[in-house]
Amino acid sequence: MYALFEYKGKQYKAEKDALIQVDLTDAEEGAKIEIDTVLLVSDGDNVKVGTPYVANAKVEVVVENNIRDKKVLVFKYKSKKDYHRLIGHRQQYTNVRVKNIVG
């Protein structure tokens, strides 16, 4: 059984006990989150597609930890103008574990 859900403007595929990396949330470790913006639920034979969301369907996840991705370097340069900038960025994510899919 799997489900496609929308969380913070992005879509994810959830299967039971799967670890999903979502954008940073302010929930503490061990907190349970119920996501009711489910776009599709499939149990192998039956497929429910929402318009836009499936009624009475939800994905229950538990927050595991917050992580930071590897550093991305952005280098800006303009020739013959003595202009160059080096900027680094590390995106923050939250790992969540799917506990249950109700649908």
PDB file of N, CA and C in Angstrom:
ATOM      1  N   MET A   1       0.851  -1.178   0.000  1.00  0.00           N
ATOM      2  CA  MET A   1       0.000   0.000   0.000  1.00  0.00           C
ATOM      3  C   MET A   1       0.892   1.235   0.000  1.00  0.00           C
ATOM      4  N   TYR A   2       0.534   2.191  -0.823  1.00  0.00           N
ATOM      5  CA  TYR A   2       1.268   3.448  -0.849  1.00  0.00           C
ATOM      6  C   TYR A   2       0.308   4.602  -1.079  1.00  0.00           C
ATOM      7  N   ALA A   3       0.811   5.803  -0.806  1.00  0.00           N
ATOM      8  CA  ALA A   3       0.002   7.004  -0.986  1.00  0.00           C
ATOM      9  C   ALA A   3       0.894   8.127  -1.491  1.00  0.00           C
ATOM     10  N   LEU A   4       0.305   9.007  -2.270  1.00  0.00           N
ATOM     11  CA  LEU A   4       0.972  10.237  -2.674  1.00  0.00           C
ATOM     12  C   LEU A   4       0.320  11.372  -1.899  1.00  0.00           C
ATOM     13  N   PHE A   5       1.146  12.158  -1.223  1.00  0.00           N
ATOM     14  CA  PHE A   5       0.592  13.255  -0.439  1.00  0.00           C
ATOM     15  C   PHE A   5       1.368  14.530  -0.698  1.00  0.00           C
ATOM     16  N   GLU A   6       0.720  15.638  -0.376  1.00  0.00           N
ATOM     17  CA  GLU A   6       1.318  16.954  -0.551  1.00  0.00           C
ATOM     18  C   GLU A   6       1.610  17.533   0.830  1.00  0.00           C
ATOM     19  N   TYR A   7       2.843  18.018   1.007  1.00  0.00           N
ATOM     20  CA  TYR A   7       3.235  18.596   2.293  1.00  0.00           C
ATOM     21  C   TYR A   7       4.153  19.776   2.037  1.00  0.00           C
ATOM     22  N   LYS A   8       3.741  20.940   2.488  1.00  0.00           N
ATOM     23  CA  LYS A   8       4.494  22.183   2.312  1.00  0.00           C
ATOM     24  C   LYS A   8       4.783  22.472   0.842  1.00  0.00           C
ATOM     25  N   GLY A   9       3.782  22.230  -0.009  1.00  0.00           N
ATOM     26  CA  GLY A   9       3.904  22.586  -1.415  1.00  0.00           C
ATOM     27  C   GLY A   9       4.655  21.590  -2.278  1.00  0.00           C
ATOM     28  N   LYS A  10       5.074  20.455  -1.718  1.00  0.00           N
ATOM     29  CA  LYS A  10       5.786  19.440  -2.489  1.00  0.00           C
ATOM     30  C   LYS A  10       5.070  18.106  -2.333  1.00  0.00           C
ATOM     31  N   GLN A  11       5.251  17.228  -3.309  1.00  0.00           N
ATOM     32  CA  GLN A  11       4.569  15.943  -3.299  1.00  0.00           C
ATOM     33  C   GLN A  11       5.558  14.826  -2.980  1.00  0.00           C
ATOM     34  N   TYR A  12       5.100  13.850  -2.179  1.00  0.00           N
ATOM     35  CA  TYR A  12       5.939  12.748  -1.736  1.00  0.00           C
ATOM     36  C   TYR A  12       5.167  11.442  -1.872  1.00  0.00           C
ATOM     37  N   LYS A  13       5.919  10.346  -2.026  1.00  0.00           N
ATOM     38  CA  LYS A  13       5.326   9.016  -2.062  1.00  0.00           C
ATOM     39  C   LYS A  13       5.598   8.354  -0.724  1.00  0.00           C
ATOM     40  N   ALA A  14       4.544   7.873  -0.077  1.00  0.00           N
ATOM     41  CA  ALA A  14       4.662   7.284   1.256  1.00  0.00           C
ATOM     42  C   ALA A  14       4.306   5.808   1.210  1.00  0.00           C
ATOM     43  N   GLU A  15       5.170   4.995   1.791  1.00  0.00           N
ATOM     44  CA  GLU A  15       4.897   3.585   2.033  1.00  0.00           C
ATOM     45  C   GLU A  15       5.111   3.343   3.515  1.00  0.00           C
ATOM     46  N   LYS A  16       4.514   2.289   4.046  1.00  0.00           N
ATOM     47  CA  LYS A  16       4.616   2.024   5.475  1.00  0.00           C
ATOM     48  C   LYS A  16       6.074   1.821   5.872  1.00  0.00           C
ATOM     49  N   ASP A  17       6.488   2.470   6.968  1.00  0.00           N
ATOM     50  CA  ASP A  17       7.844   2.436   7.534  1.00  0.00           C
ATOM     51  C   ASP A  17       8.898   3.058   6.630  1.00  0.00           C
ATOM     52  N   ALA A  18       8.515   3.866   5.659  1.00  0.00           N
ATOM     53  CA  ALA A  18       9.485   4.531   4.793  1.00  0.00           C
ATOM     54  C   ALA A  18       9.989   5.802   5.475  1.00  0.00           C
ATOM     55  N   LEU A  19      11.243   6.136   5.222  1.00  0.00           N
ATOM     56  CA  LEU A  19      11.845   7.360   5.738  1.00  0.00           C
ATOM     57  C   LEU A  19      11.810   8.402   4.631  1.00  0.00           C
ATOM     58  N   ILE A  20      11.175   9.537   4.907  1.00  0.00           N
ATOM     59  CA  ILE A  20      10.998  10.581   3.901  1.00  0.00           C
ATOM     60  C   ILE A  20      11.662  11.855   4.399  1.00  0.00           C
ATOM     61  N   GLN A  21      12.366  12.529   3.495  1.00  0.00           N
ATOM     62  CA  GLN A  21      13.048  13.774   3.817  1.00  0.00           C
ATOM     63  C   GLN A  21      12.201  14.939   3.304  1.00  0.00           C
ATOM     64  N   VAL A  22      11.626  15.721   4.236  1.00  0.00           N
ATOM     65  CA  VAL A  22      10.763  16.847   3.874  1.00  0.00           C
ATOM     66  C   VAL A  22      11.442  18.142   4.307  1.00  0.00           C
ATOM     67  N   ASP A  23      10.876  19.271   3.874  1.00  0.00           N
ATOM     68  CA  ASP A  23      11.412  20.561   4.290  1.00  0.00           C
ATOM     69  C   ASP A  23      11.321  20.703   5.807  1.00  0.00           C
ATOM     70  N   LEU A  24      12.156  21.549   6.358  1.00  0.00           N
ATOM     71  CA  LEU A  24      12.267  21.716   7.800  1.00  0.00           C
ATOM     72  C   LEU A  24      10.923  22.092   8.432  1.00  0.00           C
ATOM     73  N   THR A  25      10.570  21.372   9.504  1.00  0.00           N
ATOM     74  CA  THR A  25       9.378  21.692  10.272  1.00  0.00           C
ATOM     75  C   THR A  25       9.802  22.063  11.677  1.00  0.00           C
ATOM     76  N   ASP A  26       8.936  22.752  12.394  1.00  0.00           N
ATOM     77  CA  ASP A  26       9.265  23.167  13.754  1.00  0.00           C
ATOM     78  C   ASP A  26       8.798  22.157  14.798  1.00  0.00           C
ATOM     79  N   ALA A  27       8.367  20.974  14.374  1.00  0.00           N
ATOM     80  CA  ALA A  27       7.928  19.932  15.311  1.00  0.00           C
ATOM     81  C   ALA A  27       9.142  19.288  15.981  1.00  0.00           C
ATOM     82  N   GLU A  28       8.954  18.871  17.226  1.00  0.00           N
ATOM     83  CA  GLU A  28      10.049  18.249  17.967  1.00  0.00           C
ATOM     84  C   GLU A  28      10.205  16.786  17.568  1.00  0.00           C
ATOM     85  N   GLU A  29      11.354  16.203  17.920  1.00  0.00           N
ATOM     86  CA  GLU A  29      11.595  14.793  17.618  1.00  0.00           C
ATOM     87  C   GLU A  29      10.590  13.924  18.368  1.00  0.00           C
ATOM     88  N   GLY A  30      10.034  12.945  17.687  1.00  0.00           N
ATOM     89  CA  GLY A  30       9.044  12.058  18.284  1.00  0.00           C
ATOM     90  C   GLY A  30       7.615  12.543  18.146  1.00  0.00           C
ATOM     91  N   ALA A  31       7.427  13.745  17.621  1.00  0.00           N
ATOM     92  CA  ALA A  31       6.076  14.290  17.469  1.00  0.00           C
ATOM     93  C   ALA A  31       5.361  13.593  16.312  1.00  0.00           C
ATOM     94  N   LYS A  32       4.063  13.366  16.487  1.00  0.00           N
ATOM     95  CA  LYS A  32       3.258  12.741  15.446  1.00  0.00           C
ATOM     96  C   LYS A  32       2.552  13.822  14.634  1.00  0.00           C
ATOM     97  N   ILE A  33       2.570  13.642  13.316  1.00  0.00           N
ATOM     98  CA  ILE A  33       1.922  14.584  12.408  1.00  0.00           C
ATOM     99  C   ILE A  33       0.958  13.794  11.523  1.00  0.00           C
ATOM    100  N   GLU A  34      -0.269  14.284  11.403  1.00  0.00           N
ATOM    101  CA  GLU A  34      -1.249  13.679  10.499  1.00  0.00           C
ATOM    102  C   GLU A  34      -1.404  14.587   9.284  1.00  0.00           C
ATOM    103  N   ILE A  35      -1.126  14.042   8.119  1.00  0.00           N
ATOM    104  CA  ILE A  35      -1.201  14.799   6.876  1.00  0.00           C
ATOM    105  C   ILE A  35      -2.449  14.336   6.132  1.00  0.00           C
ATOM    106  N   ASP A  36      -3.392  15.268   5.912  1.00  0.00           N
ATOM    107  CA  ASP A  36      -4.652  14.891   5.279  1.00  0.00           C
ATOM    108  C   ASP A  36      -4.750  15.348   3.826  1.00  0.00           C
ATOM    109  N   THR A  37      -3.681  15.917   3.285  1.00  0.00           N
ATOM    110  CA  THR A  37      -3.677  16.336   1.883  1.00  0.00           C
ATOM    111  C   THR A  37      -3.150  15.189   1.019  1.00  0.00           C
ATOM    112  N   VAL A  38      -3.918  14.101   0.976  1.00  0.00           N
ATOM    113  CA  VAL A  38      -3.535  12.900   0.243  1.00  0.00           C
ATOM    114  C   VAL A  38      -4.110  12.983  -1.168  1.00  0.00           C
ATOM    115  N   LEU A  39      -3.241  12.838  -2.162  1.00  0.00           N
ATOM    116  CA  LEU A  39      -3.657  12.955  -3.553  1.00  0.00           C
ATOM    117  C   LEU A  39      -4.085  11.620  -4.150  1.00  0.00           C
ATOM    118  N   LEU A  40      -3.463  10.518  -3.707  1.00  0.00           N
ATOM    119  CA  LEU A  40      -3.741   9.205  -4.271  1.00  0.00           C
ATOM    120  C   LEU A  40      -3.450   8.144  -3.228  1.00  0.00           C
ATOM    121  N   VAL A  41      -4.299   7.111  -3.172  1.00  0.00           N
ATOM    122  CA  VAL A  41      -4.088   5.966  -2.283  1.00  0.00           C
ATOM    123  C   VAL A  41      -4.248   4.700  -3.116  1.00  0.00           C
ATOM    124  N   SER A  42      -3.277   3.789  -3.011  1.00  0.00           N
ATOM    125  CA  SER A  42      -3.334   2.542  -3.754  1.00  0.00           C
ATOM    126  C   SER A  42      -2.968   1.398  -2.823  1.00  0.00           C
ATOM    127  N   ASP A  43      -3.778   0.315  -2.874  1.00  0.00           N
ATOM    128  CA  ASP A  43      -3.466  -0.874  -2.077  1.00  0.00           C
ATOM    129  C   ASP A  43      -3.170  -2.067  -2.979  1.00  0.00           C
ATOM    130  N   GLY A  44      -2.742  -1.827  -4.187  1.00  0.00           N
ATOM    131  CA  GLY A  44      -2.422  -2.900  -5.121  1.00  0.00           C
ATOM    132  C   GLY A  44      -3.504  -3.091  -6.159  1.00  0.00           C
ATOM    133  N   ASP A  45      -4.740  -3.345  -5.721  1.00  0.00           N
ATOM    134  CA  ASP A  45      -5.853  -3.566  -6.639  1.00  0.00           C
ATOM    135  C   ASP A  45      -6.691  -2.304  -6.826  1.00  0.00           C
ATOM    136  N   ASN A  46      -7.003  -1.645  -5.716  1.00  0.00           N
ATOM    137  CA  ASN A  46      -7.859  -0.460  -5.755  1.00  0.00           C
ATOM    138  C   ASN A  46      -7.009   0.799  -5.707  1.00  0.00           C
ATOM    139  N   VAL A  47      -7.360   1.746  -6.557  1.00  0.00           N
ATOM    140  CA  VAL A  47      -6.675   3.036  -6.591  1.00  0.00           C
ATOM    141  C   VAL A  47      -7.713   4.127  -6.408  1.00  0.00           C
ATOM    142  N   LYS A  48      -7.487   4.979  -5.409  1.00  0.00           N
ATOM    143  CA  LYS A  48      -8.375   6.126  -5.184  1.00  0.00           C
ATOM    144  C   LYS A  48      -7.608   7.390  -5.542  1.00  0.00           C
ATOM    145  N   VAL A  49      -8.178   8.159  -6.449  1.00  0.00           N
ATOM    146  CA  VAL A  49      -7.562   9.408  -6.877  1.00  0.00           C
ATOM    147  C   VAL A  49      -8.454  10.542  -6.416  1.00  0.00           C
ATOM    148  N   GLY A  50      -7.857  11.528  -5.759  1.00  0.00           N
ATOM    149  CA  GLY A  50      -8.625  12.643  -5.227  1.00  0.00           C
ATOM    150  C   GLY A  50      -8.845  13.736  -6.244  1.00  0.00           C
ATOM    151  N   THR A  51      -9.842  14.587  -5.947  1.00  0.00           N
ATOM    152  CA  THR A  51     -10.119  15.744  -6.797  1.00  0.00           C
ATOM    153  C   THR A  51     -10.226  16.997  -5.946  1.00  0.00           C
ATOM    154  N   PRO A  52      -9.240  17.614  -5.433  1.00  0.00           N
ATOM    155  CA  PRO A  52      -7.828  17.276  -5.549  1.00  0.00           C
ATOM    156  C   PRO A  52      -7.337  16.306  -4.474  1.00  0.00           C
ATOM    157  N   TYR A  53      -8.095  16.142  -3.365  1.00  0.00           N
ATOM    158  CA  TYR A  53      -7.637  15.273  -2.284  1.00  0.00           C
ATOM    159  C   TYR A  53      -8.624  14.131  -2.067  1.00  0.00           C
ATOM    160  N   VAL A  54      -8.107  13.005  -1.582  1.00  0.00           N
ATOM    161  CA  VAL A  54      -8.944  11.849  -1.284  1.00  0.00           C
ATOM    162  C   VAL A  54      -9.658  12.102   0.046  1.00  0.00           C
ATOM    163  N   ALA A  55     -10.979  11.916   0.063  1.00  0.00           N
ATOM    164  CA  ALA A  55     -11.758  12.155   1.280  1.00  0.00           C
ATOM    165  C   ALA A  55     -11.442  11.085   2.323  1.00  0.00           C
ATOM    166  N   ASN A  56     -11.334  11.514   3.576  1.00  0.00           N
ATOM    167  CA  ASN A  56     -11.100  10.645   4.734  1.00  0.00           C
ATOM    168  C   ASN A  56      -9.802   9.848   4.646  1.00  0.00           C
ATOM    169  N   ALA A  57      -8.838  10.321   3.895  1.00  0.00           N
ATOM    170  CA  ALA A  57      -7.541   9.658   3.814  1.00  0.00           C
ATOM    171  C   ALA A  57      -6.504  10.521   4.524  1.00  0.00           C
ATOM    172  N   LYS A  58      -5.567   9.861   5.191  1.00  0.00           N
ATOM    173  CA  LYS A  58      -4.496  10.614   5.846  1.00  0.00           C
ATOM    174  C   LYS A  58      -3.263   9.728   5.974  1.00  0.00           C
ATOM    175  N   VAL A  59      -2.132  10.392   6.117  1.00  0.00           N
ATOM    176  CA  VAL A  59      -0.857   9.719   6.318  1.00  0.00           C
ATOM    177  C   VAL A  59      -0.342  10.155   7.681  1.00  0.00           C
ATOM    178  N   GLU A  60      -0.032   9.185   8.534  1.00  0.00           N
ATOM    179  CA  GLU A  60       0.468   9.478   9.871  1.00  0.00           C
ATOM    180  C   GLU A  60       1.985   9.279   9.879  1.00  0.00           C
ATOM    181  N   VAL A  61       2.709  10.338  10.256  1.00  0.00           N
ATOM    182  CA  VAL A  61       4.167  10.279  10.284  1.00  0.00           C
ATOM    183  C   VAL A  61       4.674  10.686  11.655  1.00  0.00           C
ATOM    184  N   VAL A  62       5.896  10.258  11.957  1.00  0.00           N
ATOM    185  CA  VAL A  62       6.562  10.616  13.210  1.00  0.00           C
ATOM    186  C   VAL A  62       7.879  11.301  12.852  1.00  0.00           C
ATOM    187  N   VAL A  63       8.149  12.437  13.484  1.00  0.00           N
ATOM    188  CA  VAL A  63       9.380  13.183  13.235  1.00  0.00           C
ATOM    189  C   VAL A  63      10.546  12.439  13.871  1.00  0.00           C
ATOM    190  N   GLU A  64      11.591  12.180  13.072  1.00  0.00           N
ATOM    191  CA  GLU A  64      12.763  11.489  13.607  1.00  0.00           C
ATOM    192  C   GLU A  64      13.870  12.469  13.982  1.00  0.00           C
ATOM    193  N   ASN A  65      14.341  13.256  13.022  1.00  0.00           N
ATOM    194  CA  ASN A  65      15.398  14.224  13.336  1.00  0.00           C
ATOM    195  C   ASN A  65      15.461  15.304  12.263  1.00  0.00           C
ATOM    196  N   ASN A  66      16.218  16.354  12.566  1.00  0.00           N
ATOM    197  CA  ASN A  66      16.471  17.432  11.622  1.00  0.00           C
ATOM    198  C   ASN A  66      17.913  17.302  11.140  1.00  0.00           C
ATOM    199  N   ILE A  67      18.112  17.477   9.851  1.00  0.00           N
ATOM    200  CA  ILE A  67      19.455  17.370   9.292  1.00  0.00           C
ATOM    201  C   ILE A  67      19.728  18.565   8.391  1.00  0.00           C
ATOM    202  N   ARG A  68      21.001  18.728   8.045  1.00  0.00           N
ATOM    203  CA  ARG A  68      21.405  19.747   7.091  1.00  0.00           C
ATOM    204  C   ARG A  68      22.084  19.050   5.923  1.00  0.00           C
ATOM    205  N   ASP A  69      21.724  19.449   4.729  1.00  0.00           N
ATOM    206  CA  ASP A  69      22.271  18.848   3.525  1.00  0.00           C
ATOM    207  C   ASP A  69      23.705  19.336   3.317  1.00  0.00           C
ATOM    208  N   LYS A  70      24.393  18.758   2.346  1.00  0.00           N
ATOM    209  CA  LYS A  70      25.758  19.183   2.071  1.00  0.00           C
ATOM    210  C   LYS A  70      25.759  20.617   1.538  1.00  0.00           C
ATOM    211  N   LYS A  71      26.878  21.281   1.664  1.00  0.00           N
ATOM    212  CA  LYS A  71      26.985  22.682   1.269  1.00  0.00           C
ATOM    213  C   LYS A  71      27.023  22.816  -0.251  1.00  0.00           C
ATOM    214  N   VAL A  72      26.255  23.776  -0.735  1.00  0.00           N
ATOM    215  CA  VAL A  72      26.248  24.115  -2.151  1.00  0.00           C
ATOM    216  C   VAL A  72      26.927  25.464  -2.285  1.00  0.00           C
ATOM    217  N   LEU A  73      27.936  25.545  -3.144  1.00  0.00           N
ATOM    218  CA  LEU A  73      28.657  26.801  -3.344  1.00  0.00           C
ATOM    219  C   LEU A  73      28.149  27.490  -4.601  1.00  0.00           C
ATOM    220  N   VAL A  74      27.877  28.806  -4.463  1.00  0.00           N
ATOM    221  CA  VAL A  74      27.422  29.619  -5.585  1.00  0.00           C
ATOM    222  C   VAL A  74      28.483  30.676  -5.823  1.00  0.00           C
ATOM    223  N   PHE A  75      29.050  30.684  -7.030  1.00  0.00           N
ATOM    224  CA  PHE A  75      30.106  31.626  -7.368  1.00  0.00           C
ATOM    225  C   PHE A  75      29.595  32.569  -8.443  1.00  0.00           C
ATOM    226  N   LYS A  76      29.598  33.860  -8.135  1.00  0.00           N
ATOM    227  CA  LYS A  76      29.179  34.881  -9.098  1.00  0.00           C
ATOM    228  C   LYS A  76      30.432  35.596  -9.579  1.00  0.00           C
ATOM    229  N   TYR A  77      30.474  35.887 -10.899  1.00  0.00           N
ATOM    230  CA  TYR A  77      31.677  36.467 -11.482  1.00  0.00           C
ATOM    231  C   TYR A  77      31.310  37.277 -12.709  1.00  0.00           C
ATOM    232  N   LYS A  78      31.905  38.459 -12.817  1.00  0.00           N
ATOM    233  CA  LYS A  78      31.747  39.271 -14.020  1.00  0.00           C
ATOM    234  C   LYS A  78      33.145  39.616 -14.522  1.00  0.00           C
ATOM    235  N   SER A  79      33.390  39.279 -15.761  1.00  0.00           N
ATOM    236  CA  SER A  79      34.729  39.472 -16.312  1.00  0.00           C
ATOM    237  C   SER A  79      35.059  40.952 -16.478  1.00  0.00           C
ATOM    238  N   LYS A  80      36.311  41.266 -16.241  1.00  0.00           N
ATOM    239  CA  LYS A  80      36.889  42.614 -16.433  1.00  0.00           C
ATOM    240  C   LYS A  80      36.276  43.675 -15.530  1.00  0.00           C
ATOM    241  N   LYS A  81      35.517  43.302 -14.530  1.00  0.00           N
ATOM    242  CA  LYS A  81      34.866  44.269 -13.647  1.00  0.00           C
ATOM    243  C   LYS A  81      35.308  44.112 -12.193  1.00  0.00           C
ATOM    244  N   ASP A  82      36.216  43.199 -11.928  1.00  0.00           N
ATOM    245  CA  ASP A  82      36.716  42.936 -10.578  1.00  0.00           C
ATOM    246  C   ASP A  82      35.565  42.625  -9.612  1.00  0.00           C
ATOM    247  N   TYR A  83      34.626  41.807 -10.084  1.00  0.00           N
ATOM    248  CA  TYR A  83      33.483  41.412  -9.268  1.00  0.00           C
ATOM    249  C   TYR A  83      33.442  39.895  -9.159  1.00  0.00           C
ATOM    250  N   HIS A  84      33.491  39.392  -7.943  1.00  0.00           N
ATOM    251  CA  HIS A  84      33.334  37.961  -7.698  1.00  0.00           C
ATOM    252  C   HIS A  84      32.843  37.760  -6.279  1.00  0.00           C
ATOM    253  N   ARG A  85      31.898  36.849  -6.124  1.00  0.00           N
ATOM    254  CA  ARG A  85      31.316  36.535  -4.822  1.00  0.00           C
ATOM    255  C   ARG A  85      31.208  35.022  -4.692  1.00  0.00           C
ATOM    256  N   LEU A  86      31.546  34.499  -3.533  1.00  0.00           N
ATOM    257  CA  LEU A  86      31.396  33.082  -3.242  1.00  0.00           C
ATOM    258  C   LEU A  86      30.443  32.960  -2.060  1.00  0.00           C
ATOM    259  N   ILE A  87      29.308  32.310  -2.296  1.00  0.00           N
ATOM    260  CA  ILE A  87      28.280  32.179  -1.279  1.00  0.00           C
ATOM    261  C   ILE A  87      28.003  30.697  -1.065  1.00  0.00           C
ATOM    262  N   GLY A  88      27.937  30.267   0.192  1.00  0.00           N
ATOM    263  CA  GLY A  88      27.614  28.886   0.506  1.00  0.00           C
ATOM    264  C   GLY A  88      26.223  28.797   1.130  1.00  0.00           C
ATOM    265  N   HIS A  89      25.568  27.658   0.918  1.00  0.00           N
ATOM    266  CA  HIS A  89      24.222  27.456   1.459  1.00  0.00           C
ATOM    267  C   HIS A  89      24.060  25.998   1.856  1.00  0.00           C
ATOM    268  N   ARG A  90      23.470  25.754   3.025  1.00  0.00           N
ATOM    269  CA  ARG A  90      23.140  24.397   3.474  1.00  0.00           C
ATOM    270  C   ARG A  90      21.657  24.341   3.773  1.00  0.00           C
ATOM    271  N   GLN A  91      20.928  23.555   2.988  1.00  0.00           N
ATOM    272  CA  GLN A  91      19.482  23.426   3.167  1.00  0.00           C
ATOM    273  C   GLN A  91      19.182  22.519   4.361  1.00  0.00           C
ATOM    274  N   GLN A  92      18.159  22.882   5.137  1.00  0.00           N
ATOM    275  CA  GLN A  92      17.776  22.087   6.299  1.00  0.00           C
ATOM    276  C   GLN A  92      16.543  21.248   5.965  1.00  0.00           C
ATOM    277  N   TYR A  93      16.559  19.999   6.430  1.00  0.00           N
ATOM    278  CA  TYR A  93      15.476  19.060   6.183  1.00  0.00           C
ATOM    279  C   TYR A  93      15.065  18.383   7.485  1.00  0.00           C
ATOM    280  N   THR A  94      13.880  17.782   7.458  1.00  0.00           N
ATOM    281  CA  THR A  94      13.392  16.969   8.567  1.00  0.00           C
ATOM    282  C   THR A  94      13.125  15.568   8.040  1.00  0.00           C
ATOM    283  N   ASN A  95      13.659  14.561   8.732  1.00  0.00           N
ATOM    284  CA  ASN A  95      13.373  13.171   8.382  1.00  0.00           C
ATOM    285  C   ASN A  95      12.132  12.725   9.137  1.00  0.00           C
ATOM    286  N   VAL A  96      11.161  12.194   8.397  1.00  0.00           N
ATOM    287  CA  VAL A  96       9.937  11.674   9.019  1.00  0.00           C
ATOM    288  C   VAL A  96       9.765  10.217   8.607  1.00  0.00           C
ATOM    289  N   ARG A  97       9.235   9.412   9.524  1.00  0.00           N
ATOM    290  CA  ARG A  97       8.978   8.003   9.262  1.00  0.00           C
ATOM    291  C   ARG A  97       7.479   7.795   9.157  1.00  0.00           C
ATOM    292  N   VAL A  98       7.032   7.145   8.079  1.00  0.00           N
ATOM    293  CA  VAL A  98       5.613   6.881   7.865  1.00  0.00           C
ATOM    294  C   VAL A  98       5.195   5.718   8.768  1.00  0.00           C
ATOM    295  N   LYS A  99       4.204   5.960   9.627  1.00  0.00           N
ATOM    296  CA  LYS A  99       3.727   4.918  10.526  1.00  0.00           C
ATOM    297  C   LYS A  99       2.476   4.227  10.012  1.00  0.00           C
ATOM    298  N   ASN A 100       1.588   4.987   9.379  1.00  0.00           N
ATOM    299  CA  ASN A 100       0.329   4.393   8.955  1.00  0.00           C
ATOM    300  C   ASN A 100      -0.260   5.206   7.791  1.00  0.00           C
ATOM    301  N   ILE A 101      -0.939   4.485   6.916  1.00  0.00           N
ATOM    302  CA  ILE A 101      -1.674   5.127   5.822  1.00  0.00           C
ATOM    303  C   ILE A 101      -3.136   4.728   5.969  1.00  0.00           C
ATOM    304  N   VAL A 102      -3.997   5.712   6.166  1.00  0.00           N
ATOM    305  CA  VAL A 102      -5.432   5.458   6.321  1.00  0.00           C
ATOM    306  C   VAL A 102      -6.104   5.960   5.044  1.00  0.00           C
ATOM    307  N   GLY A 103      -6.820   5.094   4.402  1.00  0.00           N
ATOM    308  CA  GLY A 103      -7.455   5.555   3.176  1.00  0.00           C
ATOM    309  C   GLY A 103      -8.362   4.542   2.654  1.00  0.00           C
TER     310      GLY A 103
END
